Every structure is written in C-alpha cells, then in structure tokens.
Amino acid sequence: MAKFWLAATALSGALLTSGCVIVVGDDGDGNKMLGTTRASDGYIVLDRDGDYSRLSGDLNLRGRLGGDLSLVSGDVDIDNMDIGGEVSIAAGDVNFTGTVAGEVSIAGGDVSFQGHARDELNLAAGDLDVRGRADGEASLAAGDMVLDADFRDGLVASAGTLRLDGEVHGRLSLTSINEMRRHRDYDGEQGRITMAGRVHDGGEVCAVSVVFERGARIDGPLVVYAQSEPEIRAGAQVSGLDYRPRNRRDCEDLIDG
C-alpha cells in the first residue's frame, strides 16, 4: 500500500509539470519520461497486462490495459483504449472512447461514452451521451440523456429528459421524472421521452410526455404511461402501442424498473 501511495504521489507531481508524456508498462515501476509537449497535451499511455488504479486530479489515458481500470479523479479523458478487464470511474467530467471486455461503471458530471462495452454498462451523470454498442444489459441514470447506441441485451434508463436514437434489443424500461411533484406544471421538455430509434422487443415507458419522431420504429408491444396520449409524428412506425394515463402516479409504482 505504501508503494502505491508513493507511486500515486509521483504521478500527480508529473502531471503538474509541463505536458509530460508517461508510458506505463509492466516492468519495474513502469514509469518512463519520454518527452514534453504543451501542458494541455499531457497524457499517460498504458501498455500492460495487469490492473491500473489511480486517485488523482485530471487524467488523460490512452493505450492498452489487460486488467481492470479503477479511477477516482477530477476530469477523465480516455482516448481509444483497449481494456481487457472491468472499468470503474468516479470523476468530474468523463469522456470515454474504446473497448471494454468487462463490466463498465462510470459516475460523473458530464459523461460521454462512445465505445464498445462487451459486458454490462452502468452509467450515472448529470448530462449523459451514449454512442457505440453495449453487449450486456445497460443501466443508465442522468438529468439529461441522449442515447444513440446499439443496446444488445436490454436497456433500463431514467432521466429528467431522454432521447433515444439508437437500437434496443431485449427488455426496455424508460423513465422520465419518476415522482411528479404536487401542484407543479411540467412544461416543454421536462419529463419528456423522445423516441427516434428502433425498439425490437417492446417494453415499458413512463414519462410526463412521450413523442415518437419520424424514424422511430417499435416492433414489439410497448406500454406507455404518460399524462397525455403520445404524439406520433409522420413517418414513425409504432405497432402494439398500449397507452395508459399516468395520472401523476410514480413510475416506480407502474413499471418494474
């Protein structure tokens, strides 16, 4: 443990210098200084088979990691990484591109995930943008959420506003504003779920309002709980729609999220 904290201290100090580029391998302490660039271009390049854990400030990571990645930090930018284990990140803003073989769990302020999760995908954020592919079940929560990914094994998502542009295979459960406050009017996009992608196997949706835009395609039975009937725009293909008035009830009492 002492060696871990010494390494973390040394790493944090290096990141504060002017644009250090660090390559971390498996031999020795794994830290080698290769050169300098502008401070804003500083990054860590990983090339190792083991795990990588850090408690630090802002991090910019690239490269390959055979084991698990665990970070508690400021802002995190992960650029086109290949990760053979699991990913666990608690940070400020997170931008992720790359491939992960194991389960992904990320919590942050603004989170952008643009990659391939080969196992479960668990994301929580203030603003969330998901693109790419999730092979395992996806569980997502955010204030505002935009989804333009291929979800292969179901999707459970809850947000203040939610837009679905991608595809969902398997169970679908979408919630926007689980608990409506008494004597409060919800106008505009508050509590709105916008469907503009394809849902292969149906599911359940609970929101204040629901809109099916042109390009939306619902292949299976879909139960929609909302304050008013869903708006179905020209070009949307919606079959098996079952609208049920929400009457300001909590979503958790209506659907099995």
C-alpha atoms as a PDB file:
ATOM      1  CA  MET A   1       0.000   0.000   0.000  1.00  0.00           C
ATOM      2  CA  ALA A   2       2.857   2.390   0.823  1.00  0.00           C
ATOM      3  CA  LYS A   3       4.396   1.779  -2.594  1.00  0.00           C
ATOM      4  CA  PHE A   4       1.009   2.532  -4.199  1.00  0.00           C
ATOM      5  CA  TRP A   5       0.725   5.915  -2.484  1.00  0.00           C
ATOM      6  CA  LEU A   6       4.335   6.783  -3.344  1.00  0.00           C
ATOM      7  CA  ALA A   7       3.635   5.962  -6.989  1.00  0.00           C
ATOM      8  CA  ALA A   8       0.400   7.991  -6.937  1.00  0.00           C
ATOM      9  CA  THR A   9       2.238  10.986  -5.448  1.00  0.00           C
ATOM     10  CA  ALA A  10       4.959  10.758  -8.062  1.00  0.00           C
ATOM     11  CA  LEU A  11       2.361  10.507 -10.850  1.00  0.00           C
ATOM     12  CA  SER A  12       0.409  13.531  -9.606  1.00  0.00           C
ATOM     13  CA  GLY A  13       3.603  15.546  -9.479  1.00  0.00           C
ATOM     14  CA  ALA A  14       4.493  14.535 -13.000  1.00  0.00           C
ATOM     15  CA  LEU A  15       1.089  15.578 -14.305  1.00  0.00           C
ATOM     16  CA  LEU A  16       1.595  19.050 -12.865  1.00  0.00           C
ATOM     17  CA  THR A  17       4.717  19.563 -14.959  1.00  0.00           C
ATOM     18  CA  SER A  18       4.600  20.948 -18.473  1.00  0.00           C
ATOM     19  CA  GLY A  19       2.915  18.391 -20.674  1.00  0.00           C
ATOM     20  CA  CYS A  20       4.680  15.225 -19.576  1.00  0.00           C
ATOM     21  CA  VAL A  21       4.044  12.090 -21.610  1.00  0.00           C
ATOM     22  CA  ILE A  22       4.280   8.926 -19.490  1.00  0.00           C
ATOM     23  CA  VAL A  23       4.327   5.344 -20.682  1.00  0.00           C
ATOM     24  CA  VAL A  24       3.330   2.758 -18.094  1.00  0.00           C
ATOM     25  CA  GLY A  25       4.411  -0.833 -18.763  1.00  0.00           C
ATOM     26  CA  ASP A  26       4.720  -3.982 -16.690  1.00  0.00           C
ATOM     27  CA  ASP A  27       8.449  -3.924 -15.977  1.00  0.00           C
ATOM     28  CA  GLY A  28       9.820  -2.254 -12.853  1.00  0.00           C
ATOM     29  CA  ASP A  29       7.841   0.738 -11.662  1.00  0.00           C
ATOM     30  CA  GLY A  30       6.529   1.173 -15.210  1.00  0.00           C
ATOM     31  CA  ASN A  31       7.115   4.926 -15.375  1.00  0.00           C
ATOM     32  CA  LYS A  32       9.389   6.406 -18.035  1.00  0.00           C
ATOM     33  CA  MET A  33       9.577  10.034 -19.158  1.00  0.00           C
ATOM     34  CA  LEU A  34       9.668  10.212 -22.947  1.00  0.00           C
ATOM     35  CA  GLY A  35       9.407  13.896 -23.731  1.00  0.00           C
ATOM     36  CA  THR A  36       7.476  17.114 -23.288  1.00  0.00           C
ATOM     37  CA  THR A  37       4.765  18.973 -25.183  1.00  0.00           C
ATOM     38  CA  ARG A  38       2.293  21.651 -24.233  1.00  0.00           C
ATOM     39  CA  ALA A  39       0.712  21.161 -20.798  1.00  0.00           C
ATOM     40  CA  SER A  40      -2.744  20.663 -22.308  1.00  0.00           C
ATOM     41  CA  ASP A  41      -1.404  17.708 -24.314  1.00  0.00           C
ATOM     42  CA  GLY A  42      -0.102  15.711 -21.364  1.00  0.00           C
ATOM     43  CA  TYR A  43      -1.281  12.102 -21.280  1.00  0.00           C
ATOM     44  CA  ILE A  44      -0.492   8.656 -19.893  1.00  0.00           C
ATOM     45  CA  VAL A  45      -0.009   5.785 -22.331  1.00  0.00           C
ATOM     46  CA  LEU A  46      -0.712   2.369 -20.837  1.00  0.00           C
ATOM     47  CA  ASP A  47       0.724  -0.865 -22.203  1.00  0.00           C
ATOM     48  CA  ARG A  48       0.333  -3.534 -19.557  1.00  0.00           C
ATOM     49  CA  ASP A  49      -1.433  -6.781 -18.730  1.00  0.00           C
ATOM     50  CA  GLY A  50      -2.292  -6.029 -15.105  1.00  0.00           C
ATOM     51  CA  ASP A  51      -4.674  -3.625 -13.359  1.00  0.00           C
ATOM     52  CA  TYR A  52      -4.338   0.155 -13.187  1.00  0.00           C
ATOM     53  CA  SER A  53      -5.707   2.220 -10.267  1.00  0.00           C
ATOM     54  CA  ARG A  54      -5.286   5.910  -9.563  1.00  0.00           C
ATOM     55  CA  LEU A  55      -6.531   8.544  -7.103  1.00  0.00           C
ATOM     56  CA  SER A  56      -5.550  11.873  -8.624  1.00  0.00           C
ATOM     57  CA  GLY A  57      -6.508  15.063 -10.399  1.00  0.00           C
ATOM     58  CA  ASP A  58      -7.359  15.234 -14.099  1.00  0.00           C
ATOM     59  CA  LEU A  59      -6.251  12.266 -16.214  1.00  0.00           C
ATOM     60  CA  ASN A  60      -5.826  11.667 -19.929  1.00  0.00           C
ATOM     61  CA  LEU A  61      -5.290   7.992 -20.749  1.00  0.00           C
ATOM     62  CA  ARG A  62      -4.530   6.063 -23.922  1.00  0.00           C
ATOM     63  CA  GLY A  63      -3.222   2.646 -24.840  1.00  0.00           C
ATOM     64  CA  ARG A  64      -3.889  -0.951 -23.778  1.00  0.00           C
ATOM     65  CA  LEU A  65      -4.731  -2.488 -20.411  1.00  0.00           C
ATOM     66  CA  GLY A  66      -5.208  -6.204 -19.874  1.00  0.00           C
ATOM     67  CA  GLY A  67      -6.746  -5.944 -16.390  1.00  0.00           C
ATOM     68  CA  ASP A  68      -9.143  -3.637 -14.535  1.00  0.00           C
ATOM     69  CA  LEU A  69      -9.143   0.156 -14.657  1.00  0.00           C
ATOM     70  CA  SER A  70     -10.142   1.936 -11.420  1.00  0.00           C
ATOM     71  CA  LEU A  71     -10.083   5.735 -11.157  1.00  0.00           C
ATOM     72  CA  VAL A  72     -11.173   8.348  -8.640  1.00  0.00           C
ATOM     73  CA  SER A  73     -10.173  11.668 -10.100  1.00  0.00           C
ATOM     74  CA  GLY A  74     -11.059  15.089 -11.474  1.00  0.00           C
ATOM     75  CA  ASP A  75     -11.885  15.112 -15.178  1.00  0.00           C
ATOM     76  CA  VAL A  76     -11.052  11.976 -17.150  1.00  0.00           C
ATOM     77  CA  ASP A  77     -10.380  11.677 -20.881  1.00  0.00           C
ATOM     78  CA  ILE A  78      -9.893   8.100 -22.100  1.00  0.00           C
ATOM     79  CA  ASP A  79      -8.931   8.055 -25.742  1.00  0.00           C
ATOM     80  CA  ASN A  80      -9.427   4.861 -27.768  1.00  0.00           C
ATOM     81  CA  MET A  81      -8.295   2.443 -25.059  1.00  0.00           C
ATOM     82  CA  ASP A  82      -8.483  -1.356 -25.241  1.00  0.00           C
ATOM     83  CA  ILE A  83      -9.304  -2.663 -21.743  1.00  0.00           C
ATOM     84  CA  GLY A  84      -9.405  -6.373 -21.033  1.00  0.00           C
ATOM     85  CA  GLY A  85     -10.958  -6.179 -17.559  1.00  0.00           C
ATOM     86  CA  GLU A  86     -13.572  -4.038 -15.836  1.00  0.00           C
ATOM     87  CA  VAL A  87     -13.818  -0.252 -15.650  1.00  0.00           C
ATOM     88  CA  SER A  88     -14.783   1.700 -12.531  1.00  0.00           C
ATOM     89  CA  ILE A  89     -14.602   5.503 -12.638  1.00  0.00           C
ATOM     90  CA  ALA A  90     -15.830   8.185 -10.241  1.00  0.00           C
ATOM     91  CA  ALA A  91     -14.882  11.600 -11.568  1.00  0.00           C
ATOM     92  CA  GLY A  92     -15.949  15.064 -12.658  1.00  0.00           C
ATOM     93  CA  ASP A  93     -16.470  15.040 -16.423  1.00  0.00           C
ATOM     94  CA  VAL A  94     -15.686  11.813 -18.267  1.00  0.00           C
ATOM     95  CA  ASN A  95     -15.063  11.254 -21.974  1.00  0.00           C
ATOM     96  CA  PHE A  96     -14.546   7.621 -22.938  1.00  0.00           C
ATOM     97  CA  THR A  97     -13.759   6.045 -26.294  1.00  0.00           C
ATOM     98  CA  GLY A  98     -12.550   2.499 -26.712  1.00  0.00           C
ATOM     99  CA  THR A  99     -13.435  -1.126 -25.966  1.00  0.00           C
ATOM    100  CA  VAL A 100     -14.027  -2.802 -22.595  1.00  0.00           C
ATOM    101  CA  ALA A 101     -14.257  -6.585 -22.151  1.00  0.00           C
ATOM    102  CA  GLY A 102     -15.648  -6.464 -18.596  1.00  0.00           C
ATOM    103  CA  GLU A 103     -18.362  -4.540 -16.787  1.00  0.00           C
ATOM    104  CA  VAL A 104     -18.322  -0.736 -17.051  1.00  0.00           C
ATOM    105  CA  SER A 105     -19.363   1.517 -14.147  1.00  0.00           C
ATOM    106  CA  ILE A 106     -18.919   5.293 -14.533  1.00  0.00           C
ATOM    107  CA  ALA A 107     -20.293   8.123 -12.378  1.00  0.00           C
ATOM    108  CA  GLY A 108     -19.607  11.766 -13.183  1.00  0.00           C
ATOM    109  CA  GLY A 109     -20.916  15.206 -14.046  1.00  0.00           C
ATOM    110  CA  ASP A 110     -20.962  15.276 -17.840  1.00  0.00           C
ATOM    111  CA  VAL A 111     -20.314  11.777 -19.159  1.00  0.00           C
ATOM    112  CA  SER A 112     -19.773  10.814 -22.794  1.00  0.00           C
ATOM    113  CA  PHE A 113     -19.374   7.114 -23.556  1.00  0.00           C
ATOM    114  CA  GLN A 114     -18.520   6.347 -27.168  1.00  0.00           C
ATOM    115  CA  GLY A 115     -17.248   2.822 -27.234  1.00  0.00           C
ATOM    116  CA  HIS A 116     -17.975  -0.899 -27.126  1.00  0.00           C
ATOM    117  CA  ALA A 117     -18.942  -2.414 -23.776  1.00  0.00           C
ATOM    118  CA  ARG A 118     -18.799  -6.206 -24.143  1.00  0.00           C
ATOM    119  CA  ASP A 119     -20.439  -6.732 -20.729  1.00  0.00           C
ATOM    120  CA  GLU A 120     -22.824  -4.681 -18.566  1.00  0.00           C
ATOM    121  CA  LEU A 121     -22.857  -0.895 -18.900  1.00  0.00           C
ATOM    122  CA  ASN A 122     -23.716   1.189 -15.813  1.00  0.00           C
ATOM    123  CA  LEU A 123     -23.588   4.973 -16.137  1.00  0.00           C
ATOM    124  CA  ALA A 124     -24.768   7.835 -13.903  1.00  0.00           C
ATOM    125  CA  ALA A 125     -24.328  11.510 -14.761  1.00  0.00           C
ATOM    126  CA  GLY A 126     -25.764  14.986 -14.832  1.00  0.00           C
ATOM    127  CA  ASP A 127     -25.642  15.053 -18.640  1.00  0.00           C
ATOM    128  CA  LEU A 128     -25.150  11.722 -20.396  1.00  0.00           C
ATOM    129  CA  ASP A 129     -24.365  10.973 -24.050  1.00  0.00           C
ATOM    130  CA  VAL A 130     -24.019   7.304 -25.060  1.00  0.00           C
ATOM    131  CA  ARG A 131     -22.956   6.110 -28.503  1.00  0.00           C
ATOM    132  CA  GLY A 132     -21.457   2.874 -29.725  1.00  0.00           C
ATOM    133  CA  ARG A 133     -22.539  -0.572 -28.503  1.00  0.00           C
ATOM    134  CA  ALA A 134     -23.375  -2.402 -25.281  1.00  0.00           C
ATOM    135  CA  ASP A 135     -23.456  -6.207 -25.459  1.00  0.00           C
ATOM    136  CA  GLY A 136     -24.637  -6.639 -21.853  1.00  0.00           C
ATOM    137  CA  GLU A 137     -27.571  -5.038 -20.060  1.00  0.00           C
ATOM    138  CA  ALA A 138     -27.359  -1.258 -19.798  1.00  0.00           C
ATOM    139  CA  SER A 139     -28.495   0.638 -16.674  1.00  0.00           C
ATOM    140  CA  LEU A 140     -28.345   4.417 -17.065  1.00  0.00           C
ATOM    141  CA  ALA A 141     -29.361   7.441 -14.973  1.00  0.00           C
ATOM    142  CA  ALA A 142     -28.961  11.147 -15.700  1.00  0.00           C
ATOM    143  CA  GLY A 143     -30.510  14.578 -15.633  1.00  0.00           C
ATOM    144  CA  ASP A 144     -30.463  14.898 -19.435  1.00  0.00           C
ATOM    145  CA  MET A 145     -29.759  11.848 -21.583  1.00  0.00           C
ATOM    146  CA  VAL A 146     -29.114  11.230 -25.294  1.00  0.00           C
ATOM    147  CA  LEU A 147     -28.761   7.620 -26.446  1.00  0.00           C
ATOM    148  CA  ASP A 148     -27.536   6.768 -29.934  1.00  0.00           C
ATOM    149  CA  ALA A 149     -26.091   3.315 -29.311  1.00  0.00           C
ATOM    150  CA  ASP A 150     -26.851  -0.306 -30.133  1.00  0.00           C
ATOM    151  CA  PHE A 151     -28.078  -1.950 -26.925  1.00  0.00           C
ATOM    152  CA  ARG A 152     -27.982  -5.728 -27.448  1.00  0.00           C
ATOM    153  CA  ASP A 153     -29.264  -7.064 -24.114  1.00  0.00           C
ATOM    154  CA  GLY A 154     -31.841  -4.633 -22.787  1.00  0.00           C
ATOM    155  CA  LEU A 155     -31.907  -1.057 -21.535  1.00  0.00           C
ATOM    156  CA  VAL A 156     -33.073   0.418 -18.240  1.00  0.00           C
ATOM    157  CA  ALA A 157     -32.777   4.219 -18.178  1.00  0.00           C
ATOM    158  CA  SER A 158     -34.077   7.085 -16.056  1.00  0.00           C
ATOM    159  CA  ALA A 159     -33.642  10.808 -16.726  1.00  0.00           C
ATOM    160  CA  GLY A 160     -35.218  14.228 -16.497  1.00  0.00           C
ATOM    161  CA  THR A 161     -35.305  14.363 -20.301  1.00  0.00           C
ATOM    162  CA  LEU A 162     -34.405  11.422 -22.520  1.00  0.00           C
ATOM    163  CA  ARG A 163     -33.889  10.952 -26.232  1.00  0.00           C
ATOM    164  CA  LEU A 164     -33.439   7.506 -27.808  1.00  0.00           C
ATOM    165  CA  ASP A 165     -31.909   7.474 -31.303  1.00  0.00           C
ATOM    166  CA  GLY A 166     -30.257   4.063 -31.298  1.00  0.00           C
ATOM    167  CA  GLU A 167     -31.497   0.466 -31.244  1.00  0.00           C
ATOM    168  CA  VAL A 168     -32.619  -1.690 -28.337  1.00  0.00           C
ATOM    169  CA  HIS A 169     -32.780  -5.479 -28.324  1.00  0.00           C
ATOM    170  CA  GLY A 170     -34.266  -7.130 -25.251  1.00  0.00           C
ATOM    171  CA  ARG A 171     -36.128  -5.558 -22.359  1.00  0.00           C
ATOM    172  CA  LEU A 172     -36.744  -1.801 -22.495  1.00  0.00           C
ATOM    173  CA  SER A 173     -37.655   0.293 -19.457  1.00  0.00           C
ATOM    174  CA  LEU A 174     -37.522   4.089 -19.726  1.00  0.00           C
ATOM    175  CA  THR A 175     -38.496   6.580 -17.009  1.00  0.00           C
ATOM    176  CA  SER A 176     -38.586  10.361 -17.022  1.00  0.00           C
ATOM    177  CA  ILE A 177     -39.398  12.104 -13.720  1.00  0.00           C
ATOM    178  CA  ASN A 178     -40.301   9.162 -11.530  1.00  0.00           C
ATOM    179  CA  GLU A 179     -42.165  11.284  -8.967  1.00  0.00           C
ATOM    180  CA  MET A 180     -44.258  14.230 -10.133  1.00  0.00           C
ATOM    181  CA  ARG A 181     -44.489  16.988  -7.536  1.00  0.00           C
ATOM    182  CA  ARG A 182     -47.886  18.118  -6.398  1.00  0.00           C
ATOM    183  CA  HIS A 183     -49.236  21.385  -7.832  1.00  0.00           C
ATOM    184  CA  ARG A 184     -46.341  21.639 -10.280  1.00  0.00           C
ATOM    185  CA  ASP A 185     -46.846  22.017 -14.012  1.00  0.00           C
ATOM    186  CA  TYR A 186     -44.314  20.328 -16.295  1.00  0.00           C
ATOM    187  CA  ASP A 187     -43.877  22.323 -19.485  1.00  0.00           C
ATOM    188  CA  GLY A 188     -41.709  21.953 -22.552  1.00  0.00           C
ATOM    189  CA  GLU A 189     -39.200  19.123 -22.413  1.00  0.00           C
ATOM    190  CA  GLN A 190     -39.383  18.481 -18.678  1.00  0.00           C
ATOM    191  CA  GLY A 191     -40.254  14.854 -18.206  1.00  0.00           C
ATOM    192  CA  ARG A 192     -40.305  14.149 -21.946  1.00  0.00           C
ATOM    193  CA  ILE A 193     -39.093  10.968 -23.603  1.00  0.00           C
ATOM    194  CA  THR A 194     -38.410  11.274 -27.325  1.00  0.00           C
ATOM    195  CA  MET A 195     -38.300   8.066 -29.318  1.00  0.00           C
ATOM    196  CA  ALA A 196     -36.443   8.334 -32.624  1.00  0.00           C
ATOM    197  CA  GLY A 197     -34.741   4.936 -32.823  1.00  0.00           C
ATOM    198  CA  ARG A 198     -35.742   1.299 -33.099  1.00  0.00           C
ATOM    199  CA  VAL A 199     -37.100  -0.907 -30.309  1.00  0.00           C
ATOM    200  CA  HIS A 200     -37.081  -4.550 -31.375  1.00  0.00           C
ATOM    201  CA  ASP A 201     -38.785  -6.285 -28.466  1.00  0.00           C
ATOM    202  CA  GLY A 202     -41.075  -3.710 -26.865  1.00  0.00           C
ATOM    203  CA  GLY A 203     -41.121  -2.759 -23.212  1.00  0.00           C
ATOM    204  CA  GLU A 204     -42.417  -0.039 -20.899  1.00  0.00           C
ATOM    205  CA  VAL A 205     -42.108   3.746 -20.864  1.00  0.00           C
ATOM    206  CA  CYS A 206     -43.196   6.132 -18.115  1.00  0.00           C
ATOM    207  CA  ALA A 207     -42.927   9.910 -18.502  1.00  0.00           C
ATOM    208  CA  VAL A 208     -44.801  13.179 -18.386  1.00  0.00           C
ATOM    209  CA  SER A 209     -44.976  13.204 -22.186  1.00  0.00           C
ATOM    210  CA  VAL A 210     -43.803  10.892 -24.972  1.00  0.00           C
ATOM    211  CA  VAL A 211     -43.053  11.757 -28.605  1.00  0.00           C
ATOM    212  CA  PHE A 212     -42.424   9.302 -31.448  1.00  0.00           C
ATOM    213  CA  GLU A 213     -40.447  11.155 -34.098  1.00  0.00           C
ATOM    214  CA  ARG A 214     -40.007  10.324 -37.761  1.00  0.00           C
ATOM    215  CA  GLY A 215     -37.641   7.378 -37.932  1.00  0.00           C
ATOM    216  CA  ALA A 216     -38.931   5.759 -34.767  1.00  0.00           C
ATOM    217  CA  ARG A 217     -39.764   2.084 -35.197  1.00  0.00           C
ATOM    218  CA  ILE A 218     -41.378  -0.015 -32.472  1.00  0.00           C
ATOM    219  CA  ASP A 219     -41.581  -3.709 -33.385  1.00  0.00           C
ATOM    220  CA  GLY A 220     -42.908  -5.216 -30.159  1.00  0.00           C
ATOM    221  CA  PRO A 221     -45.661  -4.352 -27.665  1.00  0.00           C
ATOM    222  CA  LEU A 222     -44.909  -1.088 -25.865  1.00  0.00           C
ATOM    223  CA  VAL A 223     -46.792   0.129 -22.797  1.00  0.00           C
ATOM    224  CA  VAL A 224     -46.661   3.919 -22.383  1.00  0.00           C
ATOM    225  CA  TYR A 225     -47.662   5.711 -19.178  1.00  0.00           C
ATOM    226  CA  ALA A 226     -47.912   9.481 -19.656  1.00  0.00           C
ATOM    227  CA  GLN A 227     -50.040  12.457 -18.675  1.00  0.00           C
ATOM    228  CA  SER A 228     -51.410  12.688 -22.208  1.00  0.00           C
ATOM    229  CA  GLU A 229     -51.534  10.448 -25.232  1.00  0.00           C
ATOM    230  CA  PRO A 230     -48.201  10.052 -27.036  1.00  0.00           C
ATOM    231  CA  GLU A 231     -47.529  12.287 -30.017  1.00  0.00           C
ATOM    232  CA  ILE A 232     -46.870  10.154 -33.089  1.00  0.00           C
ATOM    233  CA  ARG A 233     -45.337  12.172 -35.908  1.00  0.00           C
ATOM    234  CA  ALA A 234     -45.427  11.409 -39.612  1.00  0.00           C
ATOM    235  CA  GLY A 235     -43.006   8.664 -40.559  1.00  0.00           C
ATOM    236  CA  ALA A 236     -42.964   6.933 -37.177  1.00  0.00           C
ATOM    237  CA  GLN A 237     -43.766   3.202 -37.255  1.00  0.00           C
ATOM    238  CA  VAL A 238     -45.425   2.327 -33.969  1.00  0.00           C
ATOM    239  CA  SER A 239     -47.203  -1.007 -33.644  1.00  0.00           C
ATOM    240  CA  GLY A 240     -48.537  -2.583 -30.492  1.00  0.00           C
ATOM    241  CA  LEU A 241     -48.723   0.708 -28.583  1.00  0.00           C
ATOM    242  CA  ASP A 242     -50.690   0.485 -25.337  1.00  0.00           C
ATOM    243  CA  TYR A 243     -51.264   3.951 -23.847  1.00  0.00           C
ATOM    244  CA  ARG A 244     -52.310   4.165 -20.198  1.00  0.00           C
ATOM    245  CA  PRO A 245     -52.924   7.505 -18.420  1.00  0.00           C
ATOM    246  CA  ARG A 246     -50.340   8.141 -15.756  1.00  0.00           C
ATOM    247  CA  ASN A 247     -52.489  10.447 -13.630  1.00  0.00           C
ATOM    248  CA  ARG A 248     -49.409  11.807 -11.814  1.00  0.00           C
ATOM    249  CA  ARG A 249     -48.605   8.428 -10.312  1.00  0.00           C
ATOM    250  CA  ASP A 250     -44.990   7.448  -9.539  1.00  0.00           C
ATOM    251  CA  CYS A 251     -43.332   5.499 -12.311  1.00  0.00           C
ATOM    252  CA  GLU A 252     -41.910   3.009  -9.824  1.00  0.00           C
ATOM    253  CA  ASP A 253     -45.494   2.031  -8.961  1.00  0.00           C
ATOM    254  CA  LEU A 254     -46.340   1.459 -12.624  1.00  0.00           C
ATOM    255  CA  ILE A 255     -43.381  -0.326 -14.163  1.00  0.00           C
ATOM    256  CA  ASP A 256     -40.740  -2.702 -12.943  1.00  0.00           C
ATOM    257  CA  GLY A 257     -37.632  -0.587 -13.473  1.00  0.00           C
END
